[in-house]
């Protein structure tokens, strides 16, 4: 009986000492959270058209020039750097413009980029008279807004990266894969994409300060 009581007393003393001294096992190290990955840039969804059976554009709008689109600009051709998007009557053309050009000629080569008539994520180009750059039978021309859905689509273009740094191409909203492009005769058309260097420069323009 006495021996058993002594054993209990020793066991209790050992427990008390262990509790006071603490465990010799190292304390677990706090977990370190892995660094967060940079958020992926948000890319606006490609525009869709309910009326057109053609596929929607797959390329994302050009981001390098995005902040420069809204407002008034002239569009200088990449491969004809003295020529600008302009008009002859109602038809779109490239035309040489300079400081000595008449006021009317300079005005004809100045456009205001406004939110797209068919999709505000894209753009419509309006001239000083209120007409819009649009395609009709794939020919680029300038017409007043007639309020129709087809006009709004014809007059909406989505910016894409051009062939050189800082340049832009304008893809048709309702005909994805077709771009505003000048031909050898400097007429402006909505032509289907071709994987050639010549085509890529023909459809590329640099936004510069307006002439008027």
N, C-alpha and C. Protein backbone atom coordinates (compact mmCIF):
# COMPACT_ATOMS: atom_id res chain seq x y z
N UNK A 1 0.85 -1.21 0.00
CA UNK A 1 0.00 0.00 0.00
C UNK A 1 0.86 1.23 0.00
N UNK A 2 1.92 1.24 0.86
CA UNK A 2 2.81 2.41 0.93
C UNK A 2 3.59 2.56 -0.36
N UNK A 3 4.07 1.40 -0.87
CA UNK A 3 4.83 1.46 -2.15
C UNK A 3 3.97 1.98 -3.27
N UNK A 4 2.72 1.55 -3.34
CA UNK A 4 1.83 2.02 -4.41
C UNK A 4 1.58 3.50 -4.30
N UNK A 5 1.40 4.01 -3.06
CA UNK A 5 1.17 5.46 -2.87
C UNK A 5 2.37 6.24 -3.29
N UNK A 6 3.57 5.68 -3.03
CA UNK A 6 4.78 6.40 -3.44
C UNK A 6 4.90 6.47 -4.95
N UNK A 7 4.51 5.39 -5.62
CA UNK A 7 4.57 5.40 -7.11
C UNK A 7 3.64 6.43 -7.68
N UNK A 8 2.43 6.54 -7.13
CA UNK A 8 1.47 7.55 -7.62
C UNK A 8 2.01 8.94 -7.42
N UNK A 9 2.65 9.16 -6.25
CA UNK A 9 3.19 10.49 -5.96
C UNK A 9 4.28 10.85 -6.94
N UNK A 10 5.16 9.88 -7.26
CA UNK A 10 6.24 10.15 -8.23
C UNK A 10 5.67 10.42 -9.62
N UNK A 11 4.67 9.67 -10.05
CA UNK A 11 4.06 9.89 -11.37
C UNK A 11 3.44 11.25 -11.46
N UNK A 12 2.75 11.68 -10.38
CA UNK A 12 2.13 13.01 -10.39
C UNK A 12 3.17 14.08 -10.47
N UNK A 13 4.30 13.89 -9.79
CA UNK A 13 5.37 14.90 -9.83
C UNK A 13 5.96 14.98 -11.21
N UNK A 14 6.10 13.80 -11.89
CA UNK A 14 6.64 13.83 -13.26
C UNK A 14 5.74 14.57 -14.21
N UNK A 15 4.44 14.37 -14.10
CA UNK A 15 3.50 15.07 -14.96
C UNK A 15 3.57 16.56 -14.74
N UNK A 16 3.68 16.98 -13.48
CA UNK A 16 3.75 18.41 -13.17
C UNK A 16 5.00 19.02 -13.76
N UNK A 17 6.15 18.28 -13.66
CA UNK A 17 7.41 18.82 -14.21
C UNK A 17 7.33 18.94 -15.73
N UNK A 18 6.77 17.94 -16.38
CA UNK A 18 6.66 17.96 -17.86
C UNK A 18 5.78 19.11 -18.32
N UNK A 19 4.70 19.32 -17.55
CA UNK A 19 3.80 20.42 -17.91
C UNK A 19 4.48 21.75 -17.76
N UNK A 20 5.28 21.89 -16.68
CA UNK A 20 5.94 23.19 -16.45
C UNK A 20 7.06 23.41 -17.44
N UNK A 21 7.80 22.33 -17.77
CA UNK A 21 8.97 22.49 -18.66
C UNK A 21 8.56 22.60 -20.10
N UNK A 22 7.43 22.00 -20.48
CA UNK A 22 6.99 22.04 -21.87
C UNK A 22 7.65 20.95 -22.68
N UNK A 23 7.09 20.64 -23.84
CA UNK A 23 7.62 19.59 -24.71
C UNK A 23 8.90 20.05 -25.36
N UNK A 24 9.83 19.12 -25.61
CA UNK A 24 11.07 19.44 -26.34
C UNK A 24 10.87 19.35 -27.85
N UNK A 25 9.68 18.98 -28.31
CA UNK A 25 9.42 18.96 -29.75
C UNK A 25 9.37 20.40 -30.25
N UNK A 26 10.02 20.71 -31.36
CA UNK A 26 9.95 22.10 -31.88
C UNK A 26 8.53 22.46 -32.26
N UNK A 27 8.18 23.72 -31.98
CA UNK A 27 6.83 24.19 -32.32
C UNK A 27 6.68 24.21 -33.84
N UNK A 28 5.52 23.85 -34.34
CA UNK A 28 5.33 23.88 -35.81
C UNK A 28 5.47 25.30 -36.35
N UNK A 29 6.16 25.43 -37.53
CA UNK A 29 6.37 26.75 -38.14
C UNK A 29 5.08 27.20 -38.81
N UNK A 30 4.78 28.49 -38.69
CA UNK A 30 3.54 28.97 -39.34
C UNK A 30 3.61 28.79 -40.84
N UNK A 31 2.49 28.41 -41.43
CA UNK A 31 2.44 28.22 -42.88
C UNK A 31 2.59 29.57 -43.58
N UNK A 32 3.34 29.57 -44.67
CA UNK A 32 3.53 30.80 -45.46
C UNK A 32 2.69 30.68 -46.71
N UNK A 33 1.84 31.66 -46.92
CA UNK A 33 0.95 31.62 -48.09
C UNK A 33 1.76 31.82 -49.35
N UNK A 34 1.43 31.06 -50.39
CA UNK A 34 2.12 31.22 -51.67
C UNK A 34 1.76 32.57 -52.25
N UNK A 35 2.73 33.25 -52.92
CA UNK A 35 2.40 34.56 -53.53
C UNK A 35 1.34 34.42 -54.59
N UNK A 36 0.49 35.39 -54.64
CA UNK A 36 -0.59 35.37 -55.61
C UNK A 36 -0.04 35.64 -56.99
N UNK A 37 -0.57 34.94 -57.97
CA UNK A 37 -0.16 35.20 -59.35
C UNK A 37 -0.82 36.49 -59.82
N UNK A 38 -0.11 37.26 -60.68
CA UNK A 38 -0.74 38.49 -61.20
C UNK A 38 -2.03 38.15 -61.91
N UNK A 39 -3.01 38.99 -61.72
CA UNK A 39 -4.30 38.75 -62.36
C UNK A 39 -4.14 38.84 -63.86
N UNK A 40 -4.78 37.95 -64.58
CA UNK A 40 -4.73 38.01 -66.04
C UNK A 40 -5.48 39.23 -66.52
N UNK A 41 -4.95 39.93 -67.55
CA UNK A 41 -5.64 41.12 -68.03
C UNK A 41 -7.00 40.76 -68.58
N UNK A 42 -7.94 41.65 -68.31
CA UNK A 42 -9.29 41.43 -68.79
C UNK A 42 -9.39 41.78 -70.25
N UNK A 43 -9.90 40.88 -71.07
CA UNK A 43 -10.05 41.13 -72.49
C UNK A 43 -11.53 41.19 -72.81
N UNK A 44 -11.98 42.30 -73.42
CA UNK A 44 -13.41 42.39 -73.72
C UNK A 44 -13.84 41.24 -74.61
N UNK A 45 -15.02 40.67 -74.43
CA UNK A 45 -15.46 39.58 -75.29
C UNK A 45 -15.63 40.05 -76.71
N UNK A 46 -15.41 39.15 -77.64
CA UNK A 46 -15.55 39.52 -79.04
C UNK A 46 -17.00 39.86 -79.34
N UNK A 47 -17.23 40.85 -80.22
CA UNK A 47 -18.61 41.25 -80.52
C UNK A 47 -19.36 40.15 -81.25
N UNK A 48 -20.65 40.10 -81.05
CA UNK A 48 -21.48 39.12 -81.72
C UNK A 48 -22.57 39.85 -82.50
N UNK A 49 -23.02 39.23 -83.53
CA UNK A 49 -24.14 39.79 -84.28
C UNK A 49 -25.18 38.69 -84.43
N UNK A 50 -26.41 39.01 -84.09
CA UNK A 50 -27.44 38.00 -84.12
C UNK A 50 -27.91 37.71 -85.53
N UNK A 51 -27.74 38.66 -86.43
CA UNK A 51 -28.29 38.49 -87.77
C UNK A 51 -27.33 37.79 -88.71
N UNK A 52 -26.03 37.85 -88.44
CA UNK A 52 -25.07 37.32 -89.38
C UNK A 52 -24.72 35.88 -89.04
N UNK A 53 -24.69 34.97 -90.06
CA UNK A 53 -24.33 33.59 -89.78
C UNK A 53 -22.83 33.39 -89.67
N UNK A 54 -22.06 34.41 -90.00
CA UNK A 54 -20.62 34.29 -89.98
C UNK A 54 -20.11 34.21 -88.55
N UNK A 55 -18.96 33.55 -88.32
CA UNK A 55 -18.44 33.45 -86.94
C UNK A 55 -18.02 34.79 -86.41
N UNK A 56 -18.04 34.93 -85.10
CA UNK A 56 -17.64 36.18 -84.48
C UNK A 56 -16.13 36.30 -84.47
N UNK A 57 -15.59 37.52 -84.37
CA UNK A 57 -14.13 37.68 -84.38
C UNK A 57 -13.51 36.96 -83.20
N UNK A 58 -12.32 36.39 -83.45
CA UNK A 58 -11.63 35.69 -82.38
C UNK A 58 -10.50 36.51 -81.80
N UNK A 59 -9.99 37.48 -82.55
CA UNK A 59 -8.87 38.28 -82.06
C UNK A 59 -9.37 39.31 -81.06
N UNK A 60 -8.58 39.58 -80.06
CA UNK A 60 -8.93 40.60 -79.08
C UNK A 60 -8.58 41.97 -79.62
N UNK A 61 -9.35 43.00 -79.26
CA UNK A 61 -9.01 44.35 -79.70
C UNK A 61 -7.58 44.70 -79.32
N UNK A 62 -6.93 45.47 -80.17
CA UNK A 62 -5.56 45.88 -79.87
C UNK A 62 -5.52 46.67 -78.58
N UNK A 63 -4.60 46.31 -77.71
CA UNK A 63 -4.53 46.97 -76.41
C UNK A 63 -3.52 48.09 -76.39
N UNK A 64 -2.52 48.07 -77.30
CA UNK A 64 -1.47 49.07 -77.22
C UNK A 64 -1.97 50.47 -77.57
N UNK A 65 -2.98 50.56 -78.38
CA UNK A 65 -3.47 51.86 -78.80
C UNK A 65 -4.86 52.16 -78.26
N UNK A 66 -5.38 51.31 -77.38
CA UNK A 66 -6.76 51.41 -76.92
C UNK A 66 -7.11 52.81 -76.43
N UNK A 67 -6.24 53.42 -75.64
CA UNK A 67 -6.55 54.71 -75.04
C UNK A 67 -6.57 55.82 -76.08
N UNK A 68 -6.06 55.56 -77.28
CA UNK A 68 -5.98 56.63 -78.28
C UNK A 68 -7.13 56.62 -79.26
N UNK A 69 -8.07 55.68 -79.15
CA UNK A 69 -9.08 55.55 -80.18
C UNK A 69 -10.14 56.65 -80.13
N UNK A 70 -10.71 56.88 -78.98
CA UNK A 70 -11.81 57.84 -78.89
C UNK A 70 -11.34 59.23 -79.27
N UNK A 71 -12.22 59.98 -79.94
CA UNK A 71 -11.88 61.36 -80.30
C UNK A 71 -11.55 61.50 -81.78
N UNK A 72 -11.00 62.65 -82.12
CA UNK A 72 -10.75 63.00 -83.53
C UNK A 72 -9.34 62.62 -83.94
N UNK A 73 -9.25 61.99 -85.13
CA UNK A 73 -7.96 61.53 -85.63
C UNK A 73 -7.95 61.59 -87.16
N UNK A 74 -6.74 61.56 -87.70
CA UNK A 74 -6.53 61.22 -89.10
C UNK A 74 -5.88 59.85 -89.12
N UNK A 75 -6.11 59.08 -90.19
CA UNK A 75 -5.55 57.74 -90.29
C UNK A 75 -4.56 57.70 -91.44
N UNK A 76 -3.29 57.59 -91.09
CA UNK A 76 -2.23 57.58 -92.09
C UNK A 76 -1.90 56.14 -92.47
N UNK A 77 -1.78 55.90 -93.76
CA UNK A 77 -1.46 54.56 -94.24
C UNK A 77 -0.04 54.18 -93.83
N UNK A 78 0.14 52.91 -93.41
CA UNK A 78 1.47 52.44 -93.03
C UNK A 78 2.40 52.35 -94.23
N UNK A 79 1.91 51.79 -95.35
CA UNK A 79 2.78 51.60 -96.50
C UNK A 79 2.73 52.75 -97.51
N UNK A 80 1.85 53.71 -97.29
CA UNK A 80 1.83 54.96 -98.09
C UNK A 80 1.80 56.12 -97.09
N UNK A 81 2.92 56.41 -96.45
CA UNK A 81 2.92 57.34 -95.29
C UNK A 81 2.54 58.77 -95.62
N UNK A 82 2.41 59.12 -96.89
CA UNK A 82 1.93 60.47 -97.24
C UNK A 82 0.42 60.48 -97.49
N UNK A 83 -0.19 59.30 -97.48
CA UNK A 83 -1.61 59.17 -97.81
C UNK A 83 -2.44 58.86 -96.57
N UNK A 84 -3.67 59.37 -96.57
CA UNK A 84 -4.57 59.24 -95.42
C UNK A 84 -5.93 58.75 -95.88
N UNK A 85 -6.63 58.07 -94.97
CA UNK A 85 -8.01 57.69 -95.24
C UNK A 85 -8.82 58.96 -95.47
N UNK A 86 -9.49 59.02 -96.61
CA UNK A 86 -10.23 60.22 -96.98
C UNK A 86 -11.45 59.80 -97.79
N UNK A 87 -11.96 60.71 -98.58
CA UNK A 87 -13.18 60.45 -99.33
C UNK A 87 -13.19 61.23 -100.63
N UNK A 88 -13.83 60.64 -101.60
CA UNK A 88 -14.07 61.31 -102.87
C UNK A 88 -15.56 61.18 -103.14
N UNK A 89 -16.29 62.27 -102.90
CA UNK A 89 -17.74 62.17 -102.94
C UNK A 89 -18.19 61.31 -101.77
N UNK A 90 -18.81 60.17 -102.07
CA UNK A 90 -19.28 59.27 -101.01
C UNK A 90 -18.36 58.06 -100.83
N UNK A 91 -17.30 57.97 -101.62
CA UNK A 91 -16.47 56.77 -101.60
C UNK A 91 -15.18 56.99 -100.81
N UNK A 92 -14.76 55.95 -100.09
CA UNK A 92 -13.54 56.03 -99.30
C UNK A 92 -12.31 55.76 -100.16
N UNK A 93 -11.29 56.58 -99.98
CA UNK A 93 -10.04 56.45 -100.73
C UNK A 93 -8.87 56.80 -99.82
N UNK A 94 -7.67 56.50 -100.30
CA UNK A 94 -6.46 57.09 -99.72
C UNK A 94 -6.10 58.30 -100.55
N UNK A 95 -5.67 59.36 -99.86
CA UNK A 95 -5.34 60.59 -100.57
C UNK A 95 -4.16 61.25 -99.87
N UNK A 96 -3.22 61.82 -100.66
CA UNK A 96 -2.12 62.56 -100.01
C UNK A 96 -2.65 63.84 -99.37
N UNK A 97 -2.27 64.07 -98.12
CA UNK A 97 -2.69 65.25 -97.39
C UNK A 97 -1.44 65.90 -96.80
N UNK A 98 -1.40 67.22 -96.84
CA UNK A 98 -0.28 67.94 -96.26
C UNK A 98 -0.71 69.30 -95.74
N UNK A 99 0.24 70.02 -95.20
CA UNK A 99 -0.07 71.33 -94.61
C UNK A 99 -0.58 72.32 -95.65
N UNK A 100 -0.21 72.11 -96.90
CA UNK A 100 -0.65 73.04 -97.95
C UNK A 100 -1.97 72.61 -98.59
N UNK A 101 -2.52 71.47 -98.17
CA UNK A 101 -3.81 71.03 -98.72
C UNK A 101 -4.91 72.00 -98.31
N UNK A 102 -5.95 72.06 -99.11
CA UNK A 102 -7.06 72.97 -98.81
C UNK A 102 -7.76 72.56 -97.52
N UNK A 103 -8.49 73.49 -96.94
CA UNK A 103 -9.22 73.22 -95.70
C UNK A 103 -10.23 72.08 -95.91
N UNK A 104 -10.89 72.08 -97.08
CA UNK A 104 -11.87 71.03 -97.36
C UNK A 104 -11.20 69.66 -97.46
N UNK A 105 -10.01 69.61 -98.07
CA UNK A 105 -9.29 68.35 -98.21
C UNK A 105 -8.84 67.83 -96.84
N UNK A 106 -8.36 68.74 -96.00
CA UNK A 106 -7.93 68.32 -94.66
C UNK A 106 -9.13 67.86 -93.83
N UNK A 107 -10.25 68.54 -93.99
CA UNK A 107 -11.45 68.16 -93.24
C UNK A 107 -11.93 66.77 -93.65
N UNK A 108 -11.81 66.46 -94.95
CA UNK A 108 -12.27 65.17 -95.45
C UNK A 108 -11.44 64.01 -94.91
N UNK A 109 -10.26 64.29 -94.37
CA UNK A 109 -9.38 63.25 -93.85
C UNK A 109 -9.37 63.22 -92.33
N UNK A 110 -10.33 63.88 -91.70
CA UNK A 110 -10.42 63.90 -90.24
C UNK A 110 -11.70 63.19 -89.81
N UNK A 111 -11.58 62.26 -88.87
CA UNK A 111 -12.72 61.48 -88.41
C UNK A 111 -12.78 61.48 -86.89
N UNK A 112 -14.01 61.39 -86.39
CA UNK A 112 -14.23 61.26 -84.95
C UNK A 112 -14.59 59.82 -84.63
N UNK A 113 -13.80 59.18 -83.76
CA UNK A 113 -14.09 57.83 -83.31
C UNK A 113 -15.10 57.90 -82.17
N UNK A 114 -16.26 57.30 -82.39
CA UNK A 114 -17.32 57.27 -81.39
C UNK A 114 -17.64 55.80 -81.07
N UNK A 115 -18.29 55.53 -79.91
CA UNK A 115 -18.66 54.15 -79.62
C UNK A 115 -19.44 53.54 -80.78
N UNK A 116 -19.13 52.29 -81.09
CA UNK A 116 -19.74 51.64 -82.25
C UNK A 116 -21.26 51.69 -82.23
N UNK A 117 -21.85 51.99 -83.36
CA UNK A 117 -23.31 52.08 -83.45
C UNK A 117 -23.96 50.72 -83.16
N UNK A 118 -23.27 49.63 -83.50
CA UNK A 118 -23.83 48.30 -83.25
C UNK A 118 -23.30 47.68 -81.97
N UNK A 119 -22.14 48.15 -81.48
CA UNK A 119 -21.54 47.58 -80.28
C UNK A 119 -20.57 48.62 -79.71
N UNK A 120 -20.84 49.14 -78.51
CA UNK A 120 -19.99 50.20 -77.96
C UNK A 120 -18.58 49.75 -77.62
N UNK A 121 -18.31 48.43 -77.67
CA UNK A 121 -16.94 47.96 -77.45
C UNK A 121 -16.08 48.19 -78.69
N UNK A 122 -16.71 48.45 -79.81
CA UNK A 122 -16.01 48.75 -81.05
C UNK A 122 -16.22 50.23 -81.38
N UNK A 123 -15.97 50.66 -82.61
CA UNK A 123 -16.03 52.08 -82.93
C UNK A 123 -16.72 52.32 -84.27
N UNK A 124 -17.29 53.51 -84.38
CA UNK A 124 -17.76 54.03 -85.66
C UNK A 124 -17.02 55.32 -85.93
N UNK A 125 -16.77 55.59 -87.22
CA UNK A 125 -15.98 56.76 -87.62
C UNK A 125 -16.90 57.76 -88.32
N UNK A 126 -17.00 58.95 -87.75
CA UNK A 126 -17.91 59.97 -88.27
C UNK A 126 -17.10 61.14 -88.82
N UNK A 127 -17.49 61.64 -89.99
CA UNK A 127 -16.77 62.79 -90.55
C UNK A 127 -17.39 64.10 -90.08
N UNK A 128 -16.84 65.20 -90.54
CA UNK A 128 -17.28 66.50 -90.05
C UNK A 128 -18.71 66.84 -90.46
N UNK A 129 -19.23 66.18 -91.49
CA UNK A 129 -20.59 66.45 -91.95
C UNK A 129 -21.62 65.56 -91.25
N UNK A 130 -21.16 64.63 -90.41
CA UNK A 130 -22.08 63.75 -89.70
C UNK A 130 -22.28 62.39 -90.37
N UNK A 131 -21.61 62.19 -91.53
CA UNK A 131 -21.72 60.88 -92.18
C UNK A 131 -20.77 59.88 -91.52
N UNK A 132 -21.09 58.61 -91.71
CA UNK A 132 -20.29 57.55 -91.10
C UNK A 132 -19.58 56.73 -92.18
N UNK A 133 -18.36 56.33 -91.85
CA UNK A 133 -17.64 55.39 -92.70
C UNK A 133 -18.31 54.03 -92.55
N UNK A 134 -18.70 53.44 -93.67
CA UNK A 134 -19.36 52.13 -93.61
C UNK A 134 -19.02 51.36 -94.89
N UNK A 135 -19.36 50.08 -94.92
CA UNK A 135 -19.19 49.30 -96.15
C UNK A 135 -20.55 49.03 -96.76
N UNK A 136 -20.57 49.02 -98.08
CA UNK A 136 -21.79 48.72 -98.83
C UNK A 136 -21.34 47.92 -100.05
N UNK A 137 -21.80 46.65 -100.14
CA UNK A 137 -21.29 45.74 -101.15
C UNK A 137 -19.76 45.66 -101.06
N UNK A 138 -19.27 45.75 -99.84
CA UNK A 138 -17.85 45.67 -99.48
C UNK A 138 -17.02 46.87 -99.93
N UNK A 139 -17.63 47.86 -100.53
CA UNK A 139 -16.93 49.11 -100.86
C UNK A 139 -17.07 50.05 -99.68
N UNK A 140 -15.98 50.71 -99.27
CA UNK A 140 -16.04 51.67 -98.18
C UNK A 140 -16.59 52.99 -98.70
N UNK A 141 -17.58 53.52 -97.99
CA UNK A 141 -18.20 54.77 -98.39
C UNK A 141 -18.64 55.53 -97.16
N UNK A 142 -19.17 56.73 -97.36
CA UNK A 142 -19.67 57.55 -96.26
C UNK A 142 -21.13 57.87 -96.49
N UNK A 143 -21.96 57.54 -95.50
CA UNK A 143 -23.39 57.75 -95.59
C UNK A 143 -23.93 58.26 -94.27
N UNK A 144 -25.04 59.01 -94.30
CA UNK A 144 -25.69 59.40 -93.04
C UNK A 144 -26.38 58.19 -92.41
N UNK A 145 -26.50 58.20 -91.12
CA UNK A 145 -27.16 57.11 -90.39
C UNK A 145 -28.64 57.08 -90.74
N UNK A 146 -29.09 55.95 -91.30
CA UNK A 146 -30.51 55.84 -91.65
C UNK A 146 -31.32 55.18 -90.54
N UNK A 147 -30.68 54.86 -89.42
CA UNK A 147 -31.39 54.29 -88.28
C UNK A 147 -31.63 52.80 -88.36
N UNK A 148 -31.18 52.15 -89.43
CA UNK A 148 -31.45 50.72 -89.58
C UNK A 148 -30.39 49.89 -88.87
N UNK A 149 -30.77 48.66 -88.52
CA UNK A 149 -29.83 47.76 -87.86
C UNK A 149 -28.66 47.41 -88.77
N UNK A 150 -28.93 47.23 -90.07
CA UNK A 150 -27.86 46.86 -90.99
C UNK A 150 -26.87 48.01 -91.15
N UNK A 151 -27.34 49.24 -91.15
CA UNK A 151 -26.42 50.38 -91.24
C UNK A 151 -25.51 50.41 -90.01
N UNK A 152 -26.10 50.23 -88.83
CA UNK A 152 -25.30 50.28 -87.61
C UNK A 152 -24.19 49.23 -87.62
N UNK A 153 -24.50 48.05 -88.14
CA UNK A 153 -23.49 47.00 -88.23
C UNK A 153 -22.44 47.33 -89.29
N UNK A 154 -22.91 47.82 -90.45
CA UNK A 154 -21.98 48.17 -91.53
C UNK A 154 -21.01 49.28 -91.11
N UNK A 155 -21.44 50.13 -90.19
CA UNK A 155 -20.63 51.28 -89.79
C UNK A 155 -19.84 51.04 -88.51
N UNK A 156 -19.76 49.79 -88.06
CA UNK A 156 -19.04 49.48 -86.82
C UNK A 156 -17.79 48.66 -87.15
N UNK A 157 -16.67 49.12 -86.61
CA UNK A 157 -15.38 48.45 -86.84
C UNK A 157 -14.71 48.21 -85.49
N UNK A 158 -14.02 47.09 -85.41
CA UNK A 158 -13.34 46.73 -84.16
C UNK A 158 -11.83 46.83 -84.36
N UNK A 159 -11.14 47.59 -83.51
CA UNK A 159 -9.70 47.78 -83.68
C UNK A 159 -8.91 46.52 -83.37
N UNK A 160 -7.96 46.23 -84.22
CA UNK A 160 -7.04 45.11 -84.04
C UNK A 160 -5.61 45.62 -84.22
N UNK A 161 -4.66 44.83 -83.81
CA UNK A 161 -3.26 45.22 -83.97
C UNK A 161 -2.90 45.30 -85.44
N UNK A 162 -2.14 46.34 -85.79
CA UNK A 162 -1.69 46.51 -87.16
C UNK A 162 -0.39 45.78 -87.42
N UNK A 163 0.19 46.01 -88.59
CA UNK A 163 1.40 45.29 -88.99
C UNK A 163 2.66 45.84 -88.35
N UNK A 164 2.61 47.06 -87.84
CA UNK A 164 3.77 47.66 -87.19
C UNK A 164 3.37 48.15 -85.81
N UNK A 165 4.36 48.36 -84.96
CA UNK A 165 4.09 48.83 -83.60
C UNK A 165 3.36 50.16 -83.65
N UNK A 166 2.27 50.26 -82.89
CA UNK A 166 1.50 51.50 -82.83
C UNK A 166 0.47 51.66 -83.93
N UNK A 167 0.42 50.73 -84.87
CA UNK A 167 -0.57 50.84 -85.95
C UNK A 167 -1.81 50.02 -85.58
N UNK A 168 -2.88 50.25 -86.33
CA UNK A 168 -4.15 49.60 -86.03
C UNK A 168 -4.80 49.15 -87.33
N UNK A 169 -5.55 48.07 -87.25
CA UNK A 169 -6.39 47.61 -88.36
C UNK A 169 -7.83 47.65 -87.89
N UNK A 170 -8.74 47.86 -88.81
CA UNK A 170 -10.16 47.97 -88.48
C UNK A 170 -10.92 46.80 -89.10
N UNK A 171 -11.38 45.90 -88.22
CA UNK A 171 -12.11 44.72 -88.67
C UNK A 171 -13.61 44.99 -88.66
N UNK A 172 -14.28 44.51 -89.69
CA UNK A 172 -15.73 44.67 -89.78
C UNK A 172 -16.42 43.96 -88.62
N UNK A 173 -17.42 44.62 -88.06
CA UNK A 173 -18.19 44.03 -86.96
C UNK A 173 -19.07 42.89 -87.46
N UNK A 174 -19.75 43.09 -88.59
CA UNK A 174 -20.69 42.07 -89.05
C UNK A 174 -20.12 41.13 -90.09
N UNK A 175 -18.87 41.34 -90.51
CA UNK A 175 -18.16 40.40 -91.38
C UNK A 175 -16.79 40.13 -90.78
N UNK A 176 -16.74 39.37 -89.69
CA UNK A 176 -15.45 39.08 -89.06
C UNK A 176 -14.49 38.45 -90.06
N UNK A 177 -13.22 38.89 -89.98
CA UNK A 177 -12.23 38.39 -90.92
C UNK A 177 -12.05 39.28 -92.13
N UNK A 178 -12.92 40.29 -92.28
CA UNK A 178 -12.75 41.29 -93.35
C UNK A 178 -12.31 42.61 -92.71
N UNK A 179 -11.37 43.27 -93.37
CA UNK A 179 -10.77 44.49 -92.83
C UNK A 179 -10.87 45.64 -93.81
N UNK A 180 -10.92 46.85 -93.27
CA UNK A 180 -10.82 48.05 -94.09
C UNK A 180 -9.40 48.07 -94.66
N UNK A 181 -9.31 48.10 -95.98
CA UNK A 181 -8.01 47.94 -96.64
C UNK A 181 -7.97 48.75 -97.93
N UNK A 182 -6.80 49.29 -98.25
CA UNK A 182 -6.68 49.97 -99.53
C UNK A 182 -6.13 48.99 -100.58
N UNK A 183 -6.64 49.11 -101.77
CA UNK A 183 -6.14 48.31 -102.89
C UNK A 183 -5.06 49.11 -103.63
N UNK A 184 -4.52 48.49 -104.70
CA UNK A 184 -3.43 49.14 -105.43
C UNK A 184 -3.84 50.48 -106.02
N UNK A 185 -5.14 50.63 -106.33
CA UNK A 185 -5.62 51.90 -106.89
C UNK A 185 -5.99 52.91 -105.79
N UNK A 186 -5.67 52.57 -104.54
CA UNK A 186 -5.89 53.42 -103.36
C UNK A 186 -7.37 53.57 -102.99
N UNK A 187 -8.24 52.76 -103.62
CA UNK A 187 -9.62 52.70 -103.15
C UNK A 187 -9.68 51.89 -101.86
N UNK A 188 -10.64 52.23 -101.01
CA UNK A 188 -10.81 51.52 -99.74
C UNK A 188 -11.95 50.50 -99.86
N UNK A 189 -11.63 49.26 -99.49
CA UNK A 189 -12.59 48.16 -99.56
C UNK A 189 -12.58 47.40 -98.25
N UNK A 190 -13.60 46.56 -98.08
CA UNK A 190 -13.65 45.62 -96.96
C UNK A 190 -13.25 44.27 -97.53
N UNK A 191 -11.99 43.91 -97.38
CA UNK A 191 -11.46 42.70 -98.02
C UNK A 191 -11.19 41.60 -97.00
N UNK A 192 -11.36 40.32 -97.43
CA UNK A 192 -11.08 39.21 -96.52
C UNK A 192 -9.59 39.12 -96.20
N UNK A 193 -9.30 38.61 -95.03
CA UNK A 193 -7.93 38.53 -94.56
C UNK A 193 -7.10 37.60 -95.43
N UNK A 194 -5.84 37.98 -95.65
CA UNK A 194 -4.86 37.14 -96.34
C UNK A 194 -3.60 37.11 -95.50
N UNK A 195 -2.97 35.96 -95.44
CA UNK A 195 -1.77 35.81 -94.62
C UNK A 195 -0.53 36.19 -95.43
N UNK A 196 -0.48 37.46 -95.84
CA UNK A 196 0.68 37.96 -96.57
C UNK A 196 1.10 39.29 -95.96
N UNK A 197 2.39 39.60 -96.09
CA UNK A 197 2.90 40.86 -95.54
C UNK A 197 2.26 42.05 -96.26
N UNK A 198 2.04 41.93 -97.56
CA UNK A 198 1.44 43.02 -98.32
C UNK A 198 0.04 43.32 -97.82
N UNK A 199 -0.77 42.27 -97.63
CA UNK A 199 -2.13 42.50 -97.14
C UNK A 199 -2.11 43.15 -95.76
N UNK A 200 -1.24 42.66 -94.88
CA UNK A 200 -1.22 43.20 -93.53
C UNK A 200 -0.84 44.68 -93.50
N UNK A 201 0.06 45.10 -94.35
CA UNK A 201 0.39 46.53 -94.38
C UNK A 201 -0.71 47.34 -95.07
N UNK A 202 -1.36 46.75 -96.08
CA UNK A 202 -2.45 47.45 -96.77
C UNK A 202 -3.60 47.79 -95.82
N UNK A 203 -3.79 46.97 -94.77
CA UNK A 203 -4.91 47.20 -93.85
C UNK A 203 -4.47 47.88 -92.55
N UNK A 204 -3.27 48.41 -92.51
CA UNK A 204 -2.75 49.00 -91.28
C UNK A 204 -2.62 50.51 -91.40
N UNK A 205 -2.99 51.19 -90.32
CA UNK A 205 -3.00 52.65 -90.30
C UNK A 205 -2.45 53.15 -88.96
N UNK A 206 -1.96 54.35 -88.97
CA UNK A 206 -1.47 54.99 -87.75
C UNK A 206 -2.40 56.16 -87.43
N UNK A 207 -2.93 56.19 -86.20
CA UNK A 207 -3.77 57.31 -85.79
C UNK A 207 -2.88 58.50 -85.44
N UNK A 208 -3.12 59.61 -86.11
CA UNK A 208 -2.34 60.83 -85.88
C UNK A 208 -3.26 61.99 -85.58
N UNK A 209 -2.68 63.13 -85.26
CA UNK A 209 -3.49 64.31 -84.91
C UNK A 209 -4.40 64.69 -86.07
N UNK A 210 -5.61 65.13 -85.78
CA UNK A 210 -6.55 65.51 -86.85
C UNK A 210 -6.02 66.70 -87.65
N UNK A 211 -6.43 66.74 -88.91
CA UNK A 211 -6.01 67.84 -89.78
C UNK A 211 -6.78 69.12 -89.51
N UNK A 212 -7.95 69.01 -88.89
CA UNK A 212 -8.76 70.21 -88.67
C UNK A 212 -9.10 70.34 -87.19
